[in-house]
Amino acid sequence: DTAVECMKAGAWNYVSKGHIKRLGPAILNGLEQKQRRWERKHAAEKLRESSASVRHLSQGCHGLVAAIPDSLMLLDKDLKVLWANKAAAENIGMTPGALVGRLCYELWYGLREPCEPCPVMQSFETGKSRNETVTRSDGRVWDIRTVPLTDEQGGIARIIEVKRDITEHRKLEVQYHQAQKMESIGTLAGGIAHDFNNI
């Protein structure tokens, strides 16, 4: 009864009086138990360190993605949103959580079918990154880039879609080209005036 109570209290083994033959195996058992306890403690410390490292890396990653002004979305083969950053949600006028499970072409373009050309679908078909410039119905111009992500078998499992609003950039390009044309016309007019002056 005493041995049973001791084992319940946490003893690893016991040796009764008159059973000295059990001493050797009891000592070996005690050493094995000590080794196992040390290994468990060591593994738990490593796990805590690893968890802290992963948590720190994850926080840094989330902070970095949240700071990116471009719209980022992770899409599956059905073109459903699996994840979206804050910028993507703000461009649509929703919260990031509200985008999850919704179809990208419904969210961005209000369509019932994928848009043409759809760089995400092209990436799923070819397995390569794509780049398209798309003008939405509201007149905003978007540069869309896709990055395919593979699964363990090497197939395309998901696509990261990066969208950048280049509307202002395009307006500046048009203004720049217009200024170049005006400069050319000015140079031509100056040349003609000079020729008339010489005559």
N, C-alpha and C. Protein backbone atom coordinates (compact mmCIF):
# COMPACT_ATOMS: atom_id res chain seq x y z
N ASP A 1 0.83 -1.20 0.00
CA ASP A 1 0.00 0.00 0.00
C ASP A 1 0.87 1.26 0.00
N THR A 2 1.94 1.22 0.78
CA THR A 2 2.83 2.38 0.84
C THR A 2 3.46 2.65 -0.53
N ALA A 3 3.88 1.58 -1.23
CA ALA A 3 4.49 1.72 -2.56
C ALA A 3 3.50 2.34 -3.54
N VAL A 4 2.25 1.88 -3.49
CA VAL A 4 1.22 2.41 -4.38
C VAL A 4 1.00 3.89 -4.11
N GLU A 5 0.94 4.29 -2.83
CA GLU A 5 0.75 5.70 -2.47
C GLU A 5 1.93 6.54 -2.95
N CYS A 6 3.13 6.00 -2.82
CA CYS A 6 4.32 6.73 -3.28
C CYS A 6 4.30 6.91 -4.79
N MET A 7 3.90 5.88 -5.51
CA MET A 7 3.84 5.98 -6.98
C MET A 7 2.79 7.02 -7.40
N LYS A 8 1.65 7.05 -6.68
CA LYS A 8 0.61 8.04 -6.97
C LYS A 8 1.11 9.45 -6.69
N ALA A 9 1.98 9.58 -5.71
CA ALA A 9 2.52 10.88 -5.33
C ALA A 9 3.60 11.37 -6.29
N GLY A 10 4.05 10.51 -7.21
CA GLY A 10 5.02 10.94 -8.21
C GLY A 10 6.34 10.19 -8.19
N ALA A 11 6.49 9.19 -7.34
CA ALA A 11 7.73 8.40 -7.32
C ALA A 11 7.83 7.60 -8.62
N TRP A 12 9.07 7.44 -9.12
CA TRP A 12 9.25 6.71 -10.36
C TRP A 12 9.27 5.20 -10.11
N ASN A 13 9.78 4.81 -8.98
CA ASN A 13 9.92 3.37 -8.68
C ASN A 13 10.08 3.21 -7.18
N TYR A 14 10.18 1.98 -6.72
CA TYR A 14 10.36 1.71 -5.29
C TYR A 14 11.11 0.38 -5.14
N VAL A 15 11.72 0.23 -3.97
CA VAL A 15 12.38 -1.02 -3.60
C VAL A 15 11.94 -1.36 -2.18
N SER A 16 11.37 -2.53 -2.00
CA SER A 16 10.93 -2.98 -0.67
C SER A 16 12.10 -3.62 0.05
N LYS A 17 12.02 -3.64 1.40
CA LYS A 17 13.04 -4.34 2.19
C LYS A 17 13.03 -5.81 1.81
N GLY A 18 14.17 -6.33 1.68
CA GLY A 18 14.28 -7.76 1.37
C GLY A 18 14.23 -8.05 -0.12
N HIS A 19 14.08 -7.06 -0.93
CA HIS A 19 14.05 -7.27 -2.38
C HIS A 19 15.18 -6.46 -3.03
N ILE A 20 16.36 -6.70 -2.60
CA ILE A 20 17.53 -5.95 -3.05
C ILE A 20 17.81 -6.14 -4.54
N LYS A 21 17.30 -7.24 -5.10
CA LYS A 21 17.51 -7.48 -6.54
C LYS A 21 16.84 -6.40 -7.40
N ARG A 22 15.83 -5.74 -6.83
CA ARG A 22 15.12 -4.69 -7.58
C ARG A 22 15.86 -3.36 -7.58
N LEU A 23 16.93 -3.26 -6.79
CA LEU A 23 17.65 -2.00 -6.66
C LEU A 23 18.27 -1.55 -7.99
N GLY A 24 18.96 -2.47 -8.68
CA GLY A 24 19.61 -2.14 -9.97
C GLY A 24 18.59 -1.66 -11.00
N PRO A 25 17.53 -2.44 -11.26
CA PRO A 25 16.53 -1.98 -12.23
C PRO A 25 15.85 -0.67 -11.80
N ALA A 26 15.65 -0.47 -10.50
CA ALA A 26 15.01 0.75 -10.01
C ALA A 26 15.91 1.96 -10.29
N ILE A 27 17.22 1.80 -10.10
CA ILE A 27 18.16 2.90 -10.37
C ILE A 27 18.19 3.22 -11.87
N LEU A 28 18.26 2.16 -12.69
CA LEU A 28 18.23 2.38 -14.14
C LEU A 28 16.94 3.08 -14.58
N ASN A 29 15.83 2.65 -14.00
CA ASN A 29 14.54 3.28 -14.31
C ASN A 29 14.56 4.76 -13.91
N GLY A 30 15.13 5.04 -12.73
CA GLY A 30 15.23 6.42 -12.27
C GLY A 30 16.07 7.27 -13.21
N LEU A 31 17.19 6.74 -13.69
CA LEU A 31 18.04 7.47 -14.63
C LEU A 31 17.33 7.71 -15.96
N GLU A 32 16.60 6.68 -16.43
CA GLU A 32 15.84 6.84 -17.67
C GLU A 32 14.77 7.92 -17.52
N GLN A 33 14.07 7.89 -16.38
CA GLN A 33 13.03 8.87 -16.14
C GLN A 33 13.61 10.29 -16.08
N LYS A 34 14.79 10.40 -15.43
CA LYS A 34 15.44 11.70 -15.35
C LYS A 34 15.82 12.19 -16.75
N GLN A 35 16.35 11.31 -17.58
CA GLN A 35 16.72 11.66 -18.95
C GLN A 35 15.49 12.11 -19.75
N ARG A 36 14.39 11.36 -19.62
CA ARG A 36 13.15 11.71 -20.33
C ARG A 36 12.62 13.07 -19.87
N ARG A 37 12.67 13.29 -18.55
CA ARG A 37 12.19 14.57 -18.01
C ARG A 37 13.04 15.72 -18.55
N TRP A 38 14.37 15.52 -18.60
CA TRP A 38 15.26 16.55 -19.13
C TRP A 38 14.96 16.80 -20.61
N GLU A 39 14.75 15.72 -21.40
CA GLU A 39 14.46 15.86 -22.82
C GLU A 39 13.13 16.60 -23.04
N ARG A 40 12.12 16.27 -22.22
CA ARG A 40 10.83 16.96 -22.34
C ARG A 40 10.99 18.45 -22.01
N LYS A 41 11.73 18.74 -20.94
CA LYS A 41 11.94 20.13 -20.55
C LYS A 41 12.70 20.89 -21.64
N HIS A 42 13.74 20.24 -22.17
CA HIS A 42 14.53 20.84 -23.24
C HIS A 42 13.67 21.07 -24.49
N ALA A 43 12.84 20.10 -24.85
CA ALA A 43 11.95 20.23 -26.02
C ALA A 43 10.93 21.34 -25.79
N ALA A 44 10.41 21.45 -24.57
CA ALA A 44 9.44 22.50 -24.25
C ALA A 44 10.09 23.88 -24.37
N GLU A 45 11.35 24.02 -23.91
CA GLU A 45 12.06 25.29 -24.03
C GLU A 45 12.28 25.65 -25.50
N LYS A 46 12.69 24.65 -26.29
CA LYS A 46 12.90 24.89 -27.72
C LYS A 46 11.61 25.30 -28.40
N LEU A 47 10.50 24.64 -28.02
CA LEU A 47 9.20 24.96 -28.59
C LEU A 47 8.79 26.39 -28.24
N ARG A 48 9.03 26.79 -26.98
CA ARG A 48 8.71 28.16 -26.56
C ARG A 48 9.53 29.17 -27.35
N GLU A 49 10.83 28.89 -27.52
CA GLU A 49 11.69 29.78 -28.28
C GLU A 49 11.24 29.87 -29.74
N SER A 50 10.92 28.72 -30.31
CA SER A 50 10.47 28.66 -31.69
C SER A 50 9.14 29.40 -31.86
N SER A 51 8.22 29.20 -30.92
CA SER A 51 6.92 29.88 -30.98
C SER A 51 7.10 31.39 -30.89
N ALA A 52 7.98 31.83 -30.00
CA ALA A 52 8.24 33.27 -29.86
C ALA A 52 8.83 33.83 -31.14
N SER A 53 9.75 33.08 -31.75
CA SER A 53 10.37 33.52 -33.00
C SER A 53 9.34 33.61 -34.12
N VAL A 54 8.48 32.60 -34.23
CA VAL A 54 7.45 32.60 -35.26
C VAL A 54 6.46 33.74 -35.02
N ARG A 55 6.09 33.97 -33.76
CA ARG A 55 5.17 35.05 -33.42
C ARG A 55 5.77 36.40 -33.80
N HIS A 56 7.06 36.59 -33.48
CA HIS A 56 7.75 37.83 -33.81
C HIS A 56 7.81 38.04 -35.33
N LEU A 57 8.16 36.99 -36.05
CA LEU A 57 8.24 37.05 -37.51
C LEU A 57 6.86 37.33 -38.11
N SER A 58 5.84 36.69 -37.57
CA SER A 58 4.47 36.88 -38.05
C SER A 58 4.01 38.32 -37.84
N GLN A 59 4.31 38.89 -36.67
CA GLN A 59 3.94 40.28 -36.40
C GLN A 59 4.63 41.22 -37.37
N GLY A 60 5.92 40.96 -37.62
CA GLY A 60 6.66 41.79 -38.57
C GLY A 60 6.08 41.69 -39.97
N CYS A 61 5.72 40.47 -40.36
CA CYS A 61 5.14 40.23 -41.69
C CYS A 61 3.80 40.95 -41.83
N HIS A 62 2.95 40.81 -40.81
CA HIS A 62 1.64 41.46 -40.84
C HIS A 62 1.80 42.98 -40.88
N GLY A 63 2.75 43.50 -40.12
CA GLY A 63 3.01 44.94 -40.13
C GLY A 63 3.46 45.42 -41.50
N LEU A 64 4.35 44.65 -42.12
CA LEU A 64 4.86 44.99 -43.44
C LEU A 64 3.75 44.98 -44.48
N VAL A 65 2.93 43.92 -44.47
CA VAL A 65 1.84 43.80 -45.45
C VAL A 65 0.81 44.90 -45.23
N ALA A 66 0.53 45.24 -43.98
CA ALA A 66 -0.44 46.30 -43.69
C ALA A 66 0.06 47.65 -44.17
N ALA A 67 1.38 47.85 -44.19
CA ALA A 67 1.96 49.14 -44.59
C ALA A 67 2.04 49.31 -46.11
N ILE A 68 1.89 48.23 -46.85
CA ILE A 68 1.98 48.31 -48.31
C ILE A 68 0.75 49.02 -48.86
N PRO A 69 0.94 50.09 -49.64
CA PRO A 69 -0.22 50.82 -50.16
C PRO A 69 -0.93 50.11 -51.31
N ASP A 70 -0.29 49.11 -51.92
CA ASP A 70 -0.92 48.35 -53.00
C ASP A 70 -1.94 47.37 -52.42
N SER A 71 -2.94 47.04 -53.23
CA SER A 71 -3.94 46.06 -52.83
C SER A 71 -3.37 44.66 -53.02
N LEU A 72 -3.40 43.86 -51.96
CA LEU A 72 -2.92 42.49 -52.02
C LEU A 72 -4.06 41.55 -51.68
N MET A 73 -4.25 40.52 -52.51
CA MET A 73 -5.26 39.51 -52.23
C MET A 73 -4.70 38.13 -52.56
N LEU A 74 -5.09 37.15 -51.76
CA LEU A 74 -4.74 35.76 -52.02
C LEU A 74 -6.01 35.09 -52.53
N LEU A 75 -5.93 34.50 -53.74
CA LEU A 75 -7.11 33.94 -54.41
C LEU A 75 -6.93 32.45 -54.67
N ASP A 76 -8.07 31.70 -54.58
CA ASP A 76 -8.03 30.28 -54.92
C ASP A 76 -8.44 30.09 -56.38
N LYS A 77 -8.57 28.82 -56.81
CA LYS A 77 -8.87 28.53 -58.22
C LYS A 77 -10.26 28.99 -58.65
N ASP A 78 -11.15 29.15 -57.68
CA ASP A 78 -12.50 29.65 -57.99
C ASP A 78 -12.54 31.17 -58.00
N LEU A 79 -11.40 31.82 -57.82
CA LEU A 79 -11.25 33.28 -57.75
C LEU A 79 -11.90 33.86 -56.49
N LYS A 80 -11.98 33.03 -55.44
CA LYS A 80 -12.48 33.51 -54.16
C LYS A 80 -11.31 34.08 -53.36
N VAL A 81 -11.61 35.14 -52.61
CA VAL A 81 -10.61 35.79 -51.79
C VAL A 81 -10.39 34.96 -50.53
N LEU A 82 -9.14 34.54 -50.31
CA LEU A 82 -8.77 33.80 -49.10
C LEU A 82 -8.22 34.75 -48.03
N TRP A 83 -7.62 35.84 -48.49
CA TRP A 83 -7.03 36.83 -47.59
C TRP A 83 -6.87 38.13 -48.36
N ALA A 84 -6.98 39.26 -47.68
CA ALA A 84 -6.78 40.57 -48.31
C ALA A 84 -6.16 41.51 -47.30
N ASN A 85 -5.34 42.43 -47.80
CA ASN A 85 -4.74 43.42 -46.88
C ASN A 85 -5.68 44.62 -46.72
N LYS A 86 -5.29 45.53 -45.87
CA LYS A 86 -6.11 46.71 -45.54
C LYS A 86 -6.33 47.59 -46.76
N ALA A 87 -5.29 47.76 -47.59
CA ALA A 87 -5.40 48.62 -48.78
C ALA A 87 -6.44 48.08 -49.76
N ALA A 88 -6.47 46.75 -49.94
CA ALA A 88 -7.46 46.15 -50.85
C ALA A 88 -8.86 46.42 -50.34
N ALA A 89 -9.06 46.24 -49.04
CA ALA A 89 -10.38 46.47 -48.46
C ALA A 89 -10.79 47.93 -48.58
N GLU A 90 -9.87 48.85 -48.34
CA GLU A 90 -10.18 50.28 -48.43
C GLU A 90 -10.52 50.68 -49.86
N ASN A 91 -9.84 50.10 -50.85
CA ASN A 91 -10.13 50.43 -52.25
C ASN A 91 -11.52 49.96 -52.67
N ILE A 92 -12.03 48.94 -52.00
CA ILE A 92 -13.36 48.42 -52.31
C ILE A 92 -14.40 49.05 -51.40
N GLY A 93 -13.94 49.59 -50.26
CA GLY A 93 -14.87 50.19 -49.31
C GLY A 93 -15.43 49.19 -48.31
N MET A 94 -14.61 48.19 -47.94
CA MET A 94 -15.03 47.16 -46.99
C MET A 94 -13.91 46.91 -46.00
N THR A 95 -14.14 45.98 -45.08
CA THR A 95 -13.09 45.55 -44.16
C THR A 95 -12.41 44.31 -44.75
N PRO A 96 -11.15 44.04 -44.38
CA PRO A 96 -10.48 42.86 -44.94
C PRO A 96 -11.24 41.56 -44.68
N GLY A 97 -11.81 41.42 -43.50
CA GLY A 97 -12.55 40.19 -43.19
C GLY A 97 -13.79 40.01 -44.05
N ALA A 98 -14.40 41.12 -44.46
CA ALA A 98 -15.62 41.04 -45.28
C ALA A 98 -15.33 40.58 -46.71
N LEU A 99 -14.07 40.67 -47.14
CA LEU A 99 -13.71 40.24 -48.49
C LEU A 99 -13.55 38.73 -48.60
N VAL A 100 -13.20 38.09 -47.49
CA VAL A 100 -12.89 36.65 -47.50
C VAL A 100 -14.12 35.85 -47.92
N GLY A 101 -13.89 34.95 -48.88
CA GLY A 101 -14.96 34.08 -49.37
C GLY A 101 -15.74 34.68 -50.54
N ARG A 102 -15.49 35.94 -50.86
CA ARG A 102 -16.19 36.61 -51.97
C ARG A 102 -15.38 36.45 -53.26
N LEU A 103 -16.04 36.56 -54.40
CA LEU A 103 -15.37 36.45 -55.70
C LEU A 103 -14.75 37.80 -56.07
N CYS A 104 -13.51 37.76 -56.55
CA CYS A 104 -12.78 39.00 -56.82
C CYS A 104 -13.44 39.85 -57.88
N TYR A 105 -13.96 39.23 -58.93
CA TYR A 105 -14.56 40.02 -60.01
C TYR A 105 -15.87 40.67 -59.59
N GLU A 106 -16.58 40.09 -58.63
CA GLU A 106 -17.78 40.74 -58.09
C GLU A 106 -17.39 41.96 -57.26
N LEU A 107 -16.33 41.79 -56.45
CA LEU A 107 -15.90 42.87 -55.56
C LEU A 107 -15.35 44.06 -56.34
N TRP A 108 -14.47 43.80 -57.31
CA TRP A 108 -13.76 44.88 -57.99
C TRP A 108 -14.55 45.49 -59.15
N TYR A 109 -15.28 44.64 -59.88
CA TYR A 109 -15.90 45.13 -61.10
C TYR A 109 -17.42 45.01 -61.11
N GLY A 110 -18.00 44.38 -60.09
CA GLY A 110 -19.44 44.20 -60.05
C GLY A 110 -19.95 43.27 -61.13
N LEU A 111 -19.11 42.34 -61.58
CA LEU A 111 -19.47 41.40 -62.65
C LEU A 111 -19.95 40.06 -62.08
N ARG A 112 -20.63 39.30 -62.92
CA ARG A 112 -21.08 37.96 -62.52
C ARG A 112 -20.17 36.87 -63.07
N GLU A 113 -19.27 37.27 -63.95
CA GLU A 113 -18.30 36.34 -64.54
C GLU A 113 -16.92 36.99 -64.50
N PRO A 114 -15.86 36.17 -64.55
CA PRO A 114 -14.51 36.75 -64.53
C PRO A 114 -14.31 37.73 -65.69
N CYS A 115 -13.54 38.77 -65.40
CA CYS A 115 -13.26 39.79 -66.41
C CYS A 115 -12.31 39.23 -67.47
N GLU A 116 -12.28 39.87 -68.61
CA GLU A 116 -11.38 39.47 -69.69
C GLU A 116 -10.47 40.64 -70.04
N PRO A 117 -9.20 40.49 -70.09
CA PRO A 117 -8.44 39.30 -69.72
C PRO A 117 -8.28 39.23 -68.20
N CYS A 118 -8.31 38.03 -67.67
CA CYS A 118 -8.16 37.84 -66.22
C CYS A 118 -6.75 37.31 -65.96
N PRO A 119 -5.86 38.15 -65.43
CA PRO A 119 -4.48 37.70 -65.20
C PRO A 119 -4.38 36.55 -64.19
N VAL A 120 -5.33 36.50 -63.24
CA VAL A 120 -5.31 35.43 -62.24
C VAL A 120 -5.58 34.08 -62.91
N MET A 121 -6.62 34.03 -63.76
CA MET A 121 -6.93 32.78 -64.47
C MET A 121 -5.79 32.39 -65.41
N GLN A 122 -5.17 33.39 -66.04
CA GLN A 122 -4.04 33.09 -66.93
C GLN A 122 -2.87 32.50 -66.14
N SER A 123 -2.66 33.00 -64.91
CA SER A 123 -1.59 32.45 -64.07
C SER A 123 -1.89 31.03 -63.65
N PHE A 124 -3.16 30.73 -63.35
CA PHE A 124 -3.53 29.36 -63.01
C PHE A 124 -3.30 28.43 -64.20
N GLU A 125 -3.59 28.91 -65.41
CA GLU A 125 -3.43 28.08 -66.61
C GLU A 125 -1.97 27.88 -66.99
N THR A 126 -1.16 28.95 -66.91
CA THR A 126 0.22 28.87 -67.38
C THR A 126 1.23 28.59 -66.28
N GLY A 127 0.85 28.91 -65.03
CA GLY A 127 1.80 28.76 -63.93
C GLY A 127 2.83 29.86 -63.87
N LYS A 128 2.60 30.93 -64.64
CA LYS A 128 3.55 32.04 -64.69
C LYS A 128 2.90 33.32 -64.19
N SER A 129 3.75 34.26 -63.77
CA SER A 129 3.26 35.57 -63.34
C SER A 129 2.72 36.32 -64.55
N ARG A 130 1.72 37.15 -64.30
CA ARG A 130 1.10 37.94 -65.36
C ARG A 130 1.09 39.41 -64.96
N ASN A 131 0.93 40.27 -65.97
CA ASN A 131 0.84 41.71 -65.72
C ASN A 131 -0.14 42.30 -66.72
N GLU A 132 -1.19 42.95 -66.23
CA GLU A 132 -2.20 43.57 -67.08
C GLU A 132 -2.51 44.96 -66.56
N THR A 133 -2.96 45.83 -67.46
CA THR A 133 -3.48 47.14 -67.07
C THR A 133 -4.96 47.15 -67.39
N VAL A 134 -5.77 47.44 -66.38
CA VAL A 134 -7.23 47.37 -66.52
C VAL A 134 -7.83 48.71 -66.10
N THR A 135 -8.82 49.17 -66.87
CA THR A 135 -9.56 50.38 -66.52
C THR A 135 -10.93 49.97 -66.01
N ARG A 136 -11.25 50.37 -64.79
CA ARG A 136 -12.55 50.06 -64.20
C ARG A 136 -13.61 50.99 -64.75
N SER A 137 -14.88 50.64 -64.47
CA SER A 137 -16.00 51.45 -64.96
C SER A 137 -16.00 52.86 -64.37
N ASP A 138 -15.36 53.03 -63.19
CA ASP A 138 -15.30 54.37 -62.58
C ASP A 138 -14.16 55.22 -63.16
N GLY A 139 -13.44 54.69 -64.15
CA GLY A 139 -12.37 55.44 -64.81
C GLY A 139 -11.01 55.25 -64.20
N ARG A 140 -10.92 54.56 -63.07
CA ARG A 140 -9.61 54.35 -62.44
C ARG A 140 -8.84 53.27 -63.20
N VAL A 141 -7.56 53.50 -63.35
CA VAL A 141 -6.68 52.58 -64.09
C VAL A 141 -5.84 51.81 -63.08
N TRP A 142 -5.81 50.48 -63.23
CA TRP A 142 -5.10 49.61 -62.29
C TRP A 142 -4.05 48.78 -63.01
N ASP A 143 -2.87 48.73 -62.40
CA ASP A 143 -1.82 47.81 -62.84
C ASP A 143 -1.98 46.55 -62.00
N ILE A 144 -2.22 45.41 -62.64
CA ILE A 144 -2.47 44.15 -61.92
C ILE A 144 -1.34 43.18 -62.21
N ARG A 145 -0.76 42.66 -61.14
CA ARG A 145 0.31 41.65 -61.25
C ARG A 145 -0.10 40.42 -60.45
N THR A 146 0.27 39.26 -60.94
CA THR A 146 -0.07 38.02 -60.24
C THR A 146 1.19 37.21 -59.96
N VAL A 147 1.16 36.50 -58.83
CA VAL A 147 2.28 35.64 -58.44
C VAL A 147 1.70 34.28 -58.06
N PRO A 148 1.99 33.22 -58.84
CA PRO A 148 1.46 31.89 -58.52
C PRO A 148 2.20 31.26 -57.35
N LEU A 149 1.45 30.54 -56.49
CA LEU A 149 2.01 29.80 -55.37
C LEU A 149 1.74 28.32 -55.59
N THR A 150 2.77 27.49 -55.45
CA THR A 150 2.62 26.06 -55.73
C THR A 150 2.34 25.27 -54.46
N ASP A 151 1.74 24.08 -54.64
CA ASP A 151 1.52 23.16 -53.53
C ASP A 151 2.67 22.16 -53.47
N GLU A 152 2.53 21.12 -52.62
CA GLU A 152 3.60 20.12 -52.44
C GLU A 152 3.90 19.34 -53.71
N GLN A 153 2.88 19.17 -54.58
CA GLN A 153 3.07 18.42 -55.82
C GLN A 153 3.57 19.29 -56.97
N GLY A 154 3.72 20.58 -56.74
CA GLY A 154 4.21 21.48 -57.78
C GLY A 154 3.11 22.13 -58.60
N GLY A 155 1.85 21.84 -58.29
CA GLY A 155 0.73 22.47 -59.00
C GLY A 155 0.44 23.84 -58.42
N ILE A 156 -0.25 24.67 -59.21
CA ILE A 156 -0.61 26.02 -58.75
C ILE A 156 -1.81 25.91 -57.82
N ALA A 157 -1.62 26.29 -56.57
CA ALA A 157 -2.67 26.17 -55.57
C ALA A 157 -3.40 27.48 -55.35
N ARG A 158 -2.65 28.58 -55.34
CA ARG A 158 -3.22 29.90 -55.07
C ARG A 158 -2.45 30.94 -55.86
N ILE A 159 -3.05 32.12 -55.94
CA ILE A 159 -2.42 33.23 -56.64
C ILE A 159 -2.45 34.46 -55.74
N ILE A 160 -1.32 35.15 -55.66
CA ILE A 160 -1.29 36.46 -55.00
C ILE A 160 -1.52 37.49 -56.10
N GLU A 161 -2.51 38.34 -55.90
CA GLU A 161 -2.81 39.40 -56.86
C GLU A 161 -2.44 40.75 -56.23
N VAL A 162 -1.62 41.50 -56.94
CA VAL A 162 -1.18 42.82 -56.48
C VAL A 162 -1.76 43.85 -57.44
N LYS A 163 -2.55 44.80 -56.88
CA LYS A 163 -3.15 45.85 -57.71
C LYS A 163 -2.65 47.20 -57.24
N ARG A 164 -2.26 48.03 -58.23
CA ARG A 164 -1.80 49.38 -57.93
C ARG A 164 -2.61 50.37 -58.77
N ASP A 165 -3.14 51.37 -58.11
CA ASP A 165 -3.91 52.42 -58.79
C ASP A 165 -2.92 53.35 -59.49
N ILE A 166 -2.93 53.32 -60.83
CA ILE A 166 -1.98 54.14 -61.60
C ILE A 166 -2.72 55.24 -62.36
N THR A 167 -3.92 55.60 -61.91
CA THR A 167 -4.72 56.62 -62.59
C THR A 167 -3.97 57.94 -62.69
N GLU A 168 -3.45 58.43 -61.56
CA GLU A 168 -2.73 59.71 -61.56
C GLU A 168 -1.46 59.62 -62.40
N HIS A 169 -0.80 58.48 -62.33
CA HIS A 169 0.41 58.26 -63.13
C HIS A 169 0.09 58.39 -64.62
N ARG A 170 -1.03 57.78 -65.03
CA ARG A 170 -1.43 57.85 -66.44
C ARG A 170 -1.76 59.29 -66.84
N LYS A 171 -2.45 60.02 -65.95
CA LYS A 171 -2.77 61.43 -66.24
C LYS A 171 -1.50 62.24 -66.43
N LEU A 172 -0.51 62.00 -65.57
CA LEU A 172 0.76 62.71 -65.69
C LEU A 172 1.48 62.35 -66.98
N GLU A 173 1.39 61.06 -67.38
CA GLU A 173 1.99 60.64 -68.64
C GLU A 173 1.38 61.40 -69.82
N VAL A 174 0.03 61.48 -69.81
CA VAL A 174 -0.67 62.19 -70.88
C VAL A 174 -0.24 63.66 -70.90
N GLN A 175 -0.17 64.28 -69.72
CA GLN A 175 0.25 65.69 -69.64
C GLN A 175 1.68 65.87 -70.15
N TYR A 176 2.54 64.93 -69.80
CA TYR A 176 3.93 64.99 -70.24
C TYR A 176 4.02 64.89 -71.76
N HIS A 177 3.27 63.93 -72.34
CA HIS A 177 3.30 63.78 -73.81
C HIS A 177 2.73 65.02 -74.48
N GLN A 178 1.69 65.61 -73.87
CA GLN A 178 1.10 66.83 -74.42
C GLN A 178 2.13 67.97 -74.36
N ALA A 179 2.87 68.06 -73.25
CA ALA A 179 3.89 69.10 -73.11
C ALA A 179 5.00 68.90 -74.14
N GLN A 180 5.37 67.62 -74.39
CA GLN A 180 6.39 67.34 -75.40
C GLN A 180 5.92 67.78 -76.79
N LYS A 181 4.64 67.50 -77.08
CA LYS A 181 4.09 67.91 -78.38
C LYS A 181 4.12 69.43 -78.52
N MET A 182 3.70 70.11 -77.44
CA MET A 182 3.68 71.58 -77.47
C MET A 182 5.10 72.13 -77.64
N GLU A 183 6.06 71.48 -76.97
CA GLU A 183 7.45 71.92 -77.11
C GLU A 183 7.93 71.73 -78.55
N SER A 184 7.54 70.61 -79.17
CA SER A 184 7.93 70.35 -80.56
C SER A 184 7.31 71.38 -81.49
N ILE A 185 6.02 71.67 -81.24
CA ILE A 185 5.34 72.66 -82.07
C ILE A 185 6.00 74.03 -81.90
N GLY A 186 6.36 74.36 -80.65
CA GLY A 186 7.04 75.63 -80.37
C GLY A 186 8.38 75.71 -81.08
N THR A 187 9.13 74.61 -81.06
CA THR A 187 10.43 74.58 -81.75
C THR A 187 10.24 74.74 -83.25
N LEU A 188 9.21 74.04 -83.81
CA LEU A 188 8.93 74.14 -85.24
C LEU A 188 8.53 75.57 -85.61
N ALA A 189 7.64 76.16 -84.79
CA ALA A 189 7.18 77.53 -85.06
C ALA A 189 8.36 78.52 -84.98
N GLY A 190 9.22 78.30 -84.00
CA GLY A 190 10.40 79.16 -83.86
C GLY A 190 11.31 79.05 -85.07
N GLY A 191 11.48 77.81 -85.57
CA GLY A 191 12.31 77.59 -86.76
C GLY A 191 11.73 78.27 -87.99
N ILE A 192 10.40 78.14 -88.15
CA ILE A 192 9.74 78.77 -89.30
C ILE A 192 9.87 80.29 -89.21
N ALA A 193 9.64 80.84 -88.01
CA ALA A 193 9.77 82.30 -87.82
C ALA A 193 11.20 82.75 -88.14
N HIS A 194 12.17 81.97 -87.72
CA HIS A 194 13.56 82.29 -87.99
C HIS A 194 13.82 82.30 -89.50
N ASP A 195 13.27 81.28 -90.21
CA ASP A 195 13.45 81.20 -91.67
C ASP A 195 12.81 82.41 -92.35
N PHE A 196 11.59 82.78 -91.92
CA PHE A 196 10.92 83.95 -92.51
C PHE A 196 11.74 85.22 -92.22
N ASN A 197 12.30 85.30 -91.04
CA ASN A 197 13.10 86.45 -90.67
C ASN A 197 14.32 86.55 -91.58
N ASN A 198 14.93 85.39 -91.86
CA ASN A 198 16.11 85.37 -92.74
C ASN A 198 15.74 85.79 -94.15
N ILE A 199 14.54 85.40 -94.61
CA ILE A 199 14.11 85.79 -95.95
C ILE A 199 13.94 87.28 -96.02
